[in-house]
Amino acid sequence: MTFAVAVAVTLAIALGTYLMRAAPALLLADRELPSVAERALRNVGPAVLAALVVVSIAATGDGEGTGIEVAEVAAVAAAGVVAWWRRNLIWSLVAGMAALWITLAFV
């Protein structure tokens, strides 16, 4: 494969990916979403963050033990408490990251 063909294929794939992601936003820009869809979309951010946290805590690089460290447990606990208390995704993220960084600095 020549360089020109590789660039053309990359640009075609990039354009296709962009159009697939932009099409729903462009086609639905002037319409109201049903209330069921709006309620469901509110939960996408927290669900994605929860999935990332669970995967990062459960994954191990060496296959030995759980791979869970004290800093990670502290971060999840702090984020969970703030999420329960404030009901705000951003504050939960800030609290979890702060707890992680502080714990890593002292452990």
Protein backbone atom coordinates (compact mmCIF):
# COMPACT_ATOMS: atom_id res chain seq x y z
CA MET A 1 0.00 0.00 0.00
CA THR A 2 1.42 3.35 -0.97
CA PHE A 3 1.50 6.38 1.25
CA ALA A 4 -1.20 8.16 -0.80
CA VAL A 5 -3.56 5.19 -0.52
CA ALA A 6 -2.96 4.96 3.23
CA VAL A 7 -3.74 8.66 3.65
CA ALA A 8 -6.86 8.35 1.46
CA VAL A 9 -8.11 5.35 3.46
CA THR A 10 -7.43 7.14 6.75
CA LEU A 11 -9.29 10.25 5.61
CA ALA A 12 -12.22 8.18 4.32
CA ILE A 13 -12.49 6.33 7.63
CA ALA A 14 -12.21 9.61 9.58
CA LEU A 15 -14.95 11.20 7.46
CA GLY A 16 -17.21 8.18 7.88
CA THR A 17 -16.68 8.12 11.63
CA TYR A 18 -17.35 11.83 11.91
CA LEU A 19 -20.55 11.57 9.86
CA MET A 20 -21.82 8.64 11.94
CA ARG A 21 -21.25 10.60 15.14
CA ALA A 22 -22.55 13.92 13.82
CA ALA A 23 -25.64 12.59 12.01
CA PRO A 24 -27.87 12.14 15.10
CA ALA A 25 -26.98 15.59 16.41
CA LEU A 26 -27.55 17.23 13.05
CA LEU A 27 -30.77 15.36 12.25
CA LEU A 28 -32.30 15.87 15.70
CA ALA A 29 -31.05 19.42 16.31
CA ASP A 30 -34.43 21.12 15.86
CA ARG A 31 -36.53 18.44 17.58
CA GLU A 32 -37.42 17.82 21.20
CA LEU A 33 -36.31 14.50 22.62
CA PRO A 34 -38.94 12.41 24.38
CA SER A 35 -38.81 12.71 28.16
CA VAL A 36 -37.91 9.02 28.45
CA ALA A 37 -34.82 9.58 26.29
CA GLU A 38 -33.81 12.67 28.26
CA ARG A 39 -34.07 10.80 31.56
CA ALA A 40 -32.03 7.91 30.15
CA LEU A 41 -29.34 10.22 28.76
CA ARG A 42 -28.88 11.85 32.17
CA ASN A 43 -27.54 8.53 33.42
CA VAL A 44 -24.99 7.97 30.67
CA GLY A 45 -22.17 9.98 32.29
CA PRO A 46 -22.43 8.35 35.73
CA ALA A 47 -22.78 4.90 34.16
CA VAL A 48 -19.66 5.34 32.02
CA LEU A 49 -17.64 6.63 34.97
CA ALA A 50 -18.83 3.77 37.16
CA ALA A 51 -17.85 1.26 34.48
CA LEU A 52 -14.40 2.82 34.14
CA VAL A 53 -13.87 2.74 37.91
CA VAL A 54 -14.94 -0.88 38.24
CA VAL A 55 -12.71 -1.95 35.37
CA SER A 56 -9.71 -0.01 36.66
CA ILE A 57 -10.08 -1.42 40.17
CA ALA A 58 -10.75 -5.00 39.10
CA ALA A 59 -8.05 -5.19 36.42
CA THR A 60 -4.67 -6.54 37.40
CA GLY A 61 -1.51 -6.44 35.37
CA ASP A 62 0.16 -9.50 36.84
CA GLY A 63 -2.75 -11.86 37.44
CA GLU A 64 -1.94 -12.05 41.16
CA GLY A 65 -4.40 -10.83 43.77
CA THR A 66 -7.06 -8.22 43.25
CA GLY A 67 -4.81 -5.31 42.32
CA ILE A 68 -6.80 -2.96 44.56
CA GLU A 69 -4.65 -0.39 46.33
CA VAL A 70 -5.42 1.79 49.33
CA ALA A 71 -5.46 4.95 47.21
CA GLU A 72 -8.07 3.51 44.88
CA VAL A 73 -10.31 2.43 47.74
CA ALA A 74 -10.00 5.88 49.33
CA ALA A 75 -10.86 7.56 46.03
CA VAL A 76 -13.91 5.38 45.41
CA ALA A 77 -15.10 5.85 48.99
CA ALA A 78 -14.69 9.64 48.85
CA ALA A 79 -16.41 9.88 45.47
CA GLY A 80 -19.23 7.63 46.69
CA VAL A 81 -19.84 9.70 49.82
CA VAL A 82 -19.82 12.97 47.88
CA ALA A 83 -22.11 11.48 45.19
CA TRP A 84 -24.57 10.38 47.84
CA TRP A 85 -24.35 13.69 49.70
CA ARG A 86 -24.28 16.24 46.85
CA ARG A 87 -25.88 14.26 43.98
CA ASN A 88 -23.43 15.93 41.59
CA LEU A 89 -21.17 14.09 39.17
CA ILE A 90 -18.54 16.83 38.95
CA TRP A 91 -18.14 17.16 42.72
CA SER A 92 -17.90 13.38 43.01
CA LEU A 93 -15.15 13.32 40.41
CA VAL A 94 -13.28 16.15 42.14
CA ALA A 95 -13.54 14.46 45.54
CA GLY A 96 -12.41 11.11 44.18
CA MET A 97 -9.42 12.58 42.35
CA ALA A 98 -8.44 14.68 45.38
CA ALA A 99 -8.62 11.64 47.64
CA LEU A 100 -6.58 9.61 45.16
CA TRP A 101 -3.84 12.24 44.83
CA ILE A 102 -3.66 12.91 48.58
CA THR A 103 -3.51 9.21 49.39
CA LEU A 104 -0.86 8.58 46.75
CA ALA A 105 1.22 11.44 48.15
CA PHE A 106 1.29 9.87 51.62
CA VAL A 107 1.35 6.15 50.87
